[in-house]
């Protein structure tokens, strides 16, 4: 088998930034390196490093502010990434891969890879379409047009879910292969087992604190559960521009204070710490209105937790979590979410059954299998060009 030199290009790099795409890139790089390839993670970082044999971090600039004060992706950071895409040396790499987000870098990488005869793979984590209107308001047509014009770029497009693949296929007029995100299943199970030695709040959420994650809906559901259930109920892992609003809401709902019902942990420094905290809970909750894949739910499933999630046409979670098998889906209403959580809290046997199913299902997404799929996609492109 040919050993490849692969560039994974994105604005954020784990662990300086904690989010789904950067986490995916970091773990994918590690898994590809274990298969004998050399992988470079290029993005905004403080300094070069080699976290694992065969994995190099290449800074293209210092870390910046990813989100604006309004909690939206920064346009200036997207422009800065595009400038980095214009100057990065592509000669050492056999294959270049980039996430579709934040779009501005794609035309430059596509043109430069085409000139050098290098395969350029765009992995689509989400395709928003008219959701831009809900996200941005009046200026949404500009961003929707940028997304639409970006869809044909790249030698090959991949997607992490069938929902996103179908939307990109409509613009590329060709089949888009689905290669899901992955998890280090054994490492998660080991850390979660440590977490189970401590009893934490029964409910857990992990992720960036953004408005579209609808953590406010979860807090309102917990407030409905609290009067009849003593003690801590919810652990929130993560940080983001919506944290101040959410802590204020939790306080107004009576969930904070001398006997807090909700604990905001903020950003935990290691994956193991996150997985241990998840393992101490019994039920994972993802109320988000928009999920291109669902990395936190998948990690929670690997830890043996069922997932309760809220329905949304912009969420691919239904592909990952089958209601009644691995968890529960519910309308995006505080009362409906509270009722679903209450049923599981009152039924340990059902919680255990769903959690066992979830753990077995999650094992299929181990990075060893996902990296093999990515390797095959890269090698097929190189074979087609030879």
Protein backbone atom coordinates (compact mmCIF):
# COMPACT_ATOMS: atom_id res chain seq x y z
CA UNK A 1 0.00 0.00 0.00
CA UNK A 2 1.23 3.47 -0.88
CA UNK A 3 2.09 5.77 2.04
CA UNK A 4 0.48 9.18 1.52
CA UNK A 5 1.29 12.69 2.58
CA UNK A 6 -2.09 14.27 3.44
CA UNK A 7 -2.96 17.89 4.24
CA UNK A 8 -6.06 18.47 6.39
CA UNK A 9 -6.82 22.21 6.11
CA UNK A 10 -9.20 24.00 8.50
CA UNK A 11 -9.20 27.19 10.52
CA UNK A 12 -9.30 25.55 13.96
CA UNK A 13 -6.95 22.95 15.41
CA UNK A 14 -7.65 20.80 18.47
CA UNK A 15 -6.92 21.14 21.39
CA UNK A 16 -6.45 24.93 21.11
CA UNK A 17 -9.99 25.02 19.75
CA UNK A 18 -12.66 22.52 20.78
CA UNK A 19 -15.34 21.73 18.23
CA UNK A 20 -16.62 18.91 16.08
CA UNK A 21 -14.58 19.47 12.90
CA UNK A 22 -11.24 20.14 14.58
CA UNK A 23 -11.77 17.16 16.88
CA UNK A 24 -12.56 15.01 13.83
CA UNK A 25 -9.46 16.22 11.98
CA UNK A 26 -7.20 15.54 14.96
CA UNK A 27 -8.46 12.00 15.48
CA UNK A 28 -8.54 11.26 11.74
CA UNK A 29 -4.91 12.39 11.46
CA UNK A 30 -3.95 10.09 14.31
CA UNK A 31 -5.77 7.13 12.76
CA UNK A 32 -4.30 7.72 9.28
CA UNK A 33 -0.81 8.00 10.79
CA UNK A 34 -1.37 4.66 12.50
CA UNK A 35 -1.98 3.24 9.00
CA UNK A 36 1.43 4.48 7.84
CA UNK A 37 0.58 7.86 6.32
CA UNK A 38 1.99 11.31 7.13
CA UNK A 39 -0.65 13.89 7.98
CA UNK A 40 -0.35 17.65 8.37
CA UNK A 41 -3.02 19.63 10.21
CA UNK A 42 -2.86 23.21 8.90
CA UNK A 43 -4.79 26.01 10.54
CA UNK A 44 -4.58 28.77 13.09
CA UNK A 45 -2.31 27.64 15.93
CA UNK A 46 0.19 29.15 18.33
CA UNK A 47 3.18 27.02 17.34
CA UNK A 48 4.18 24.00 15.24
CA UNK A 49 4.12 20.63 16.98
CA UNK A 50 4.11 16.88 16.38
CA UNK A 51 1.47 15.44 18.74
CA UNK A 52 1.91 11.90 17.38
CA UNK A 53 4.34 10.04 15.14
CA UNK A 54 3.37 10.90 11.59
CA UNK A 55 1.19 13.90 12.57
CA UNK A 56 2.40 17.50 12.25
CA UNK A 57 0.62 20.72 13.16
CA UNK A 58 1.43 23.54 10.72
CA UNK A 59 0.31 27.01 11.88
CA UNK A 60 -0.87 29.33 9.09
CA UNK A 61 -1.42 32.16 11.56
CA UNK A 62 -2.16 32.75 15.24
CA UNK A 63 -5.53 31.72 16.69
CA UNK A 64 -8.17 34.40 16.36
CA UNK A 65 -11.70 35.00 17.51
CA UNK A 66 -13.81 32.39 15.76
CA UNK A 67 -17.18 33.93 16.62
CA UNK A 68 -18.43 37.51 16.57
CA UNK A 69 -20.04 39.18 19.58
CA UNK A 70 -23.40 38.07 18.14
CA UNK A 71 -22.29 34.43 18.26
CA UNK A 72 -21.92 34.09 14.48
CA UNK A 73 -18.89 32.81 12.57
CA UNK A 74 -16.44 35.67 11.98
CA UNK A 75 -16.22 36.86 8.37
CA UNK A 76 -12.78 38.36 8.99
CA UNK A 77 -11.49 34.99 10.20
CA UNK A 78 -12.84 33.36 7.04
CA UNK A 79 -10.97 35.94 4.96
CA UNK A 80 -7.80 35.31 6.95
CA UNK A 81 -8.12 31.58 6.25
CA UNK A 82 -8.57 32.30 2.54
CA UNK A 83 -5.34 34.31 2.58
CA UNK A 84 -3.59 31.35 4.22
CA UNK A 85 -5.00 29.03 1.53
CA UNK A 86 -3.46 31.28 -1.11
CA UNK A 87 0.06 31.02 0.30
CA UNK A 88 0.42 27.57 1.88
CA UNK A 89 2.97 25.36 0.12
CA UNK A 90 1.08 22.44 -1.41
CA UNK A 91 4.08 20.71 -2.99
CA UNK A 92 4.77 18.23 -0.14
CA UNK A 93 1.26 16.73 -0.23
CA UNK A 94 -0.30 13.96 -2.30
CA UNK A 95 -3.86 14.85 -1.30
CA UNK A 96 -5.44 18.01 0.13
CA UNK A 97 -8.64 17.77 2.19
CA UNK A 98 -10.65 20.64 3.66
CA UNK A 99 -13.97 21.11 5.41
CA UNK A 100 -16.56 23.14 3.52
CA UNK A 101 -16.72 25.59 6.44
CA UNK A 102 -16.04 28.59 6.23
CA UNK A 103 -16.18 28.50 2.39
CA UNK A 104 -13.84 31.39 1.51
CA UNK A 105 -10.79 29.11 1.34
CA UNK A 106 -12.34 26.62 -1.10
CA UNK A 107 -11.96 28.47 -4.45
CA UNK A 108 -8.29 29.17 -3.77
CA UNK A 109 -7.44 25.62 -2.74
CA UNK A 110 -9.44 24.20 -5.65
CA UNK A 111 -7.64 26.39 -8.19
CA UNK A 112 -4.18 25.80 -6.75
CA UNK A 113 -4.67 22.02 -6.51
CA UNK A 114 -5.96 21.91 -10.08
CA UNK A 115 -2.88 23.78 -11.33
CA UNK A 116 -0.59 21.34 -9.51
CA UNK A 117 -2.59 18.26 -10.50
CA UNK A 118 -3.34 17.33 -6.89
CA UNK A 119 -6.63 15.81 -5.75
CA UNK A 120 -8.65 18.22 -3.62
CA UNK A 121 -11.32 16.64 -1.39
CA UNK A 122 -14.01 18.79 0.22
CA UNK A 123 -15.73 17.18 3.19
CA UNK A 124 -19.17 18.68 3.73
CA UNK A 125 -20.22 18.69 7.37
CA UNK A 126 -23.45 20.60 6.66
CA UNK A 127 -25.30 22.23 3.78
CA UNK A 128 -27.63 24.95 5.02
CA UNK A 129 -29.55 26.25 2.00
CA UNK A 130 -32.46 28.35 3.25
CA UNK A 131 -31.41 27.81 6.87
CA UNK A 132 -29.09 30.78 6.25
CA UNK A 133 -32.19 32.99 6.47
CA UNK A 134 -32.91 31.82 10.01
CA UNK A 135 -29.24 32.13 10.96
CA UNK A 136 -28.46 35.57 9.45
CA UNK A 137 -31.65 37.40 8.60
CA UNK A 138 -31.68 39.92 5.74
CA UNK A 139 -28.19 39.22 4.38
CA UNK A 140 -28.76 35.47 4.07
CA UNK A 141 -28.97 35.35 0.22
CA UNK A 142 -25.29 36.34 -0.10
CA UNK A 143 -24.10 33.50 2.14
CA UNK A 144 -26.50 31.01 0.58
CA UNK A 145 -25.09 31.94 -2.85
CA UNK A 146 -21.52 31.43 -1.60
CA UNK A 147 -22.48 27.98 -0.32
CA UNK A 148 -24.26 27.11 -3.57
CA UNK A 149 -21.28 28.21 -5.69
CA UNK A 150 -18.91 26.25 -3.43
CA UNK A 151 -20.71 22.95 -3.90
CA UNK A 152 -19.10 22.05 -7.27
CA UNK A 153 -15.56 22.79 -6.04
CA UNK A 154 -13.00 20.05 -5.47
CA UNK A 155 -12.03 16.88 -7.26
CA UNK A 156 -14.33 14.91 -5.00
CA UNK A 157 -16.94 15.81 -2.39
CA UNK A 158 -17.58 13.72 0.69
CA UNK A 159 -20.26 14.20 3.35
CA UNK A 160 -20.56 13.04 6.95
CA UNK A 161 -24.30 12.32 6.68
CA UNK A 162 -26.83 11.28 4.06
CA UNK A 163 -28.81 14.48 4.78
CA UNK A 164 -25.85 16.64 3.74
CA UNK A 165 -24.85 14.32 0.88
CA UNK A 166 -28.29 14.61 -0.74
CA UNK A 167 -28.14 18.42 -0.61
CA UNK A 168 -24.64 18.61 -2.09
CA UNK A 169 -25.53 16.04 -4.77
CA UNK A 170 -28.29 18.35 -5.98
CA UNK A 171 -25.64 21.00 -6.70
CA UNK A 172 -22.80 18.79 -7.96
CA UNK A 173 -25.04 16.49 -10.05
CA UNK A 174 -22.97 13.48 -9.03
CA UNK A 175 -22.97 10.98 -6.20
CA UNK A 176 -21.44 12.22 -2.94
CA UNK A 177 -19.91 9.47 -0.82
CA UNK A 178 -20.84 9.41 2.86
CA UNK A 179 -17.94 8.82 5.24
CA UNK A 180 -19.11 9.52 8.80
CA UNK A 181 -17.12 11.05 11.58
CA UNK A 182 -15.55 8.56 13.95
CA UNK A 183 -14.67 7.95 17.57
CA UNK A 184 -11.92 6.15 19.48
CA UNK A 185 -14.41 3.65 20.88
CA UNK A 186 -12.05 1.78 23.23
CA UNK A 187 -10.62 4.99 24.72
CA UNK A 188 -14.11 6.35 25.34
CA UNK A 189 -15.28 3.13 27.02
CA UNK A 190 -12.19 3.11 29.25
CA UNK A 191 -12.63 6.74 30.32
CA UNK A 192 -16.38 6.31 30.81
CA UNK A 193 -15.75 3.30 33.05
CA UNK A 194 -13.61 5.55 35.25
CA UNK A 195 -16.38 8.14 35.27
CA UNK A 196 -18.94 5.59 36.40
CA UNK A 197 -16.99 5.18 39.65
CA UNK A 198 -18.32 8.64 40.56
CA UNK A 199 -22.01 9.49 40.58
CA UNK A 200 -22.76 12.67 38.68
CA UNK A 201 -25.98 14.38 37.61
CA UNK A 202 -28.02 11.95 35.49
CA UNK A 203 -28.26 14.25 32.44
CA UNK A 204 -25.34 15.54 30.39
CA UNK A 205 -24.86 17.91 27.44
CA UNK A 206 -21.52 18.63 25.75
CA UNK A 207 -20.76 21.07 22.95
CA UNK A 208 -20.24 24.69 22.05
CA UNK A 209 -22.67 27.03 23.74
CA UNK A 210 -24.35 28.59 20.71
CA UNK A 211 -27.97 29.67 20.28
CA UNK A 212 -28.68 27.00 17.66
CA UNK A 213 -27.68 24.30 20.17
CA UNK A 214 -30.88 25.24 22.07
CA UNK A 215 -29.39 24.62 25.50
CA UNK A 216 -31.97 27.13 26.74
CA UNK A 217 -34.68 24.64 25.76
CA UNK A 218 -32.88 21.97 27.81
CA UNK A 219 -32.62 24.28 30.82
CA UNK A 220 -36.36 24.99 30.62
CA UNK A 221 -37.04 21.23 30.49
CA UNK A 222 -34.83 20.66 33.54
CA UNK A 223 -36.71 23.39 35.38
CA UNK A 224 -39.92 21.42 34.80
CA UNK A 225 -38.29 18.26 36.20
CA UNK A 226 -36.64 19.93 39.19
CA UNK A 227 -39.58 20.32 41.62
CA UNK A 228 -40.14 16.56 41.87
CA UNK A 229 -36.49 15.47 41.65
CA UNK A 230 -34.01 16.49 44.34
CA UNK A 231 -30.30 16.98 43.77
CA UNK A 232 -28.21 17.91 40.72
CA UNK A 233 -29.85 17.03 37.41
CA UNK A 234 -27.70 18.31 34.54
CA UNK A 235 -24.03 18.71 33.65
CA UNK A 236 -23.20 21.14 30.83
CA UNK A 237 -19.75 20.69 29.28
CA UNK A 238 -18.44 23.35 26.93
CA UNK A 239 -18.10 27.06 26.39
CA UNK A 240 -19.08 29.60 23.80
CA UNK A 241 -20.64 32.98 23.10
CA UNK A 242 -24.02 31.97 24.57
CA UNK A 243 -22.68 31.00 28.00
CA UNK A 244 -23.49 34.25 29.80
CA UNK A 245 -27.08 34.24 28.55
CA UNK A 246 -27.51 30.58 29.50
CA UNK A 247 -26.15 30.97 33.02
CA UNK A 248 -28.45 33.96 33.47
CA UNK A 249 -31.40 31.87 32.31
CA UNK A 250 -30.44 29.02 34.63
CA UNK A 251 -30.30 31.45 37.54
CA UNK A 252 -33.70 32.94 36.67
CA UNK A 253 -35.17 29.42 36.51
CA UNK A 254 -33.87 28.63 40.00
CA UNK A 255 -31.37 26.06 38.75
CA UNK A 256 -28.31 27.72 40.29
CA UNK A 257 -27.59 28.88 43.81
CA UNK A 258 -26.82 27.14 47.09
CA UNK A 259 -28.31 23.84 45.86
CA UNK A 260 -27.56 23.94 42.11
CA UNK A 261 -29.52 21.67 39.83
CA UNK A 262 -27.26 22.47 36.84
CA UNK A 263 -23.46 22.57 36.72
CA UNK A 264 -21.65 24.50 33.97
CA UNK A 265 -18.22 22.90 33.66
CA UNK A 266 -16.94 25.06 30.82
CA UNK A 267 -14.19 23.74 28.60
CA UNK A 268 -12.55 20.56 29.91
CA UNK A 269 -8.90 20.33 28.91
CA UNK A 270 -8.75 16.73 27.70
CA UNK A 271 -10.99 14.33 25.82
CA UNK A 272 -10.57 11.83 28.66
CA UNK A 273 -12.00 14.36 31.12
CA UNK A 274 -15.02 14.90 28.87
CA UNK A 275 -15.61 11.16 28.46
CA UNK A 276 -15.25 10.54 32.20
CA UNK A 277 -17.82 13.25 32.92
CA UNK A 278 -20.17 11.76 30.34
CA UNK A 279 -19.65 8.32 31.89
CA UNK A 280 -20.79 9.62 35.28
CA UNK A 281 -24.20 10.48 33.77
CA UNK A 282 -27.03 8.20 32.63
CA UNK A 283 -28.64 10.04 29.72
CA UNK A 284 -27.14 12.29 27.02
CA UNK A 285 -29.28 15.17 25.74
CA UNK A 286 -28.83 17.00 22.42
CA UNK A 287 -31.55 19.62 21.88
CA UNK A 288 -29.78 21.28 18.91
CA UNK A 289 -31.71 22.67 15.95
CA UNK A 290 -28.78 21.95 13.61
CA UNK A 291 -26.46 18.95 13.63
CA UNK A 292 -24.49 17.93 10.57
CA UNK A 293 -23.50 14.70 12.29
CA UNK A 294 -23.58 14.58 16.11
CA UNK A 295 -20.16 13.86 17.59
CA UNK A 296 -21.18 14.35 21.23
CA UNK A 297 -24.17 11.99 20.90
CA UNK A 298 -21.93 9.37 19.29
CA UNK A 299 -19.33 9.68 22.07
CA UNK A 300 -22.11 9.39 24.64
CA UNK A 301 -23.41 6.27 22.90
CA UNK A 302 -19.92 4.75 23.03
CA UNK A 303 -19.96 5.46 26.77
CA UNK A 304 -23.19 3.45 27.06
CA UNK A 305 -25.68 6.33 27.33
CA UNK A 306 -28.94 6.57 25.43
CA UNK A 307 -29.45 9.86 23.58
CA UNK A 308 -32.52 12.06 23.83
CA UNK A 309 -32.63 14.61 21.01
CA UNK A 310 -35.02 17.19 19.62
CA UNK A 311 -36.46 16.87 16.14
CA UNK A 312 -35.33 19.27 13.42
CA UNK A 313 -35.26 19.22 9.63
CA UNK A 314 -31.70 20.58 9.84
CA UNK A 315 -30.39 17.73 12.01
CA UNK A 316 -28.84 14.46 10.85
CA UNK A 317 -29.12 12.91 14.32
CA UNK A 318 -31.93 10.65 13.16
CA UNK A 319 -29.38 8.83 10.98
CA UNK A 320 -27.23 8.12 14.04
CA UNK A 321 -29.75 7.57 16.84
CA UNK A 322 -32.70 5.33 16.04
CA UNK A 323 -35.61 6.24 18.33
CA UNK A 324 -36.65 3.34 20.54
CA UNK A 325 -33.38 1.55 19.81
CA UNK A 326 -30.59 3.92 20.85
CA UNK A 327 -32.56 6.74 22.45
CA UNK A 328 -35.63 8.95 22.10
CA UNK A 329 -36.56 11.76 19.73
CA UNK A 330 -38.94 14.46 20.90
CA UNK A 331 -40.51 17.68 19.62
CA UNK A 332 -38.44 20.78 20.36
CA UNK A 333 -40.61 21.91 23.26
CA UNK A 334 -39.59 22.10 26.93
CA UNK A 335 -42.60 20.09 28.07
CA UNK A 336 -42.09 17.31 25.53
CA UNK A 337 -38.36 17.13 26.29
CA UNK A 338 -39.02 17.08 30.05
CA UNK A 339 -41.56 14.28 29.62
CA UNK A 340 -39.12 12.15 27.58
CA UNK A 341 -36.32 12.68 30.09
CA UNK A 342 -38.65 11.94 32.99
CA UNK A 343 -39.72 8.63 31.45
CA UNK A 344 -36.12 7.47 31.16
CA UNK A 345 -35.17 8.73 34.61
CA UNK A 346 -38.04 6.68 36.04
CA UNK A 347 -37.19 3.55 34.04
CA UNK A 348 -33.59 2.40 34.72
CA UNK A 349 -34.22 -0.87 32.86
CA UNK A 350 -35.20 0.93 29.65
CA UNK A 351 -32.30 3.35 30.06
CA UNK A 352 -29.92 0.40 30.38
CA UNK A 353 -31.41 -1.37 27.34
CA UNK A 354 -31.10 1.71 25.13
CA UNK A 355 -27.60 2.39 26.44
CA UNK A 356 -26.40 -1.13 25.66
CA UNK A 357 -27.80 -0.86 22.14
CA UNK A 358 -26.14 2.53 21.74
CA UNK A 359 -22.73 1.21 22.83
CA UNK A 360 -22.83 -1.63 20.32
CA UNK A 361 -23.94 0.68 17.52
CA UNK A 362 -21.25 3.27 18.29
CA UNK A 363 -18.48 0.67 18.00
CA UNK A 364 -19.10 0.60 14.23
CA UNK A 365 -17.81 4.18 14.02
CA UNK A 366 -14.36 3.48 15.46
CA UNK A 367 -11.68 5.59 13.82
CA UNK A 368 -9.88 2.48 12.57
CA UNK A 369 -12.81 1.78 10.24
CA UNK A 370 -13.43 5.40 9.25
CA UNK A 371 -9.75 6.05 8.49
CA UNK A 372 -9.70 2.98 6.24
CA UNK A 373 -12.60 4.49 4.27
CA UNK A 374 -10.83 7.83 3.95
CA UNK A 375 -7.63 6.10 2.87
CA UNK A 376 -9.54 4.20 0.17
CA UNK A 377 -11.13 7.45 -1.08
CA UNK A 378 -7.73 9.16 -1.29
CA UNK A 379 -6.05 6.21 -3.02
CA UNK A 380 -8.87 5.91 -5.58
CA UNK A 381 -8.44 9.56 -6.54
CA UNK A 382 -4.69 9.16 -6.98
CA UNK A 383 -5.21 6.00 -9.04
CA UNK A 384 -7.66 7.84 -11.30
CA UNK A 385 -5.10 10.59 -11.90
CA UNK A 386 -2.22 8.24 -12.67
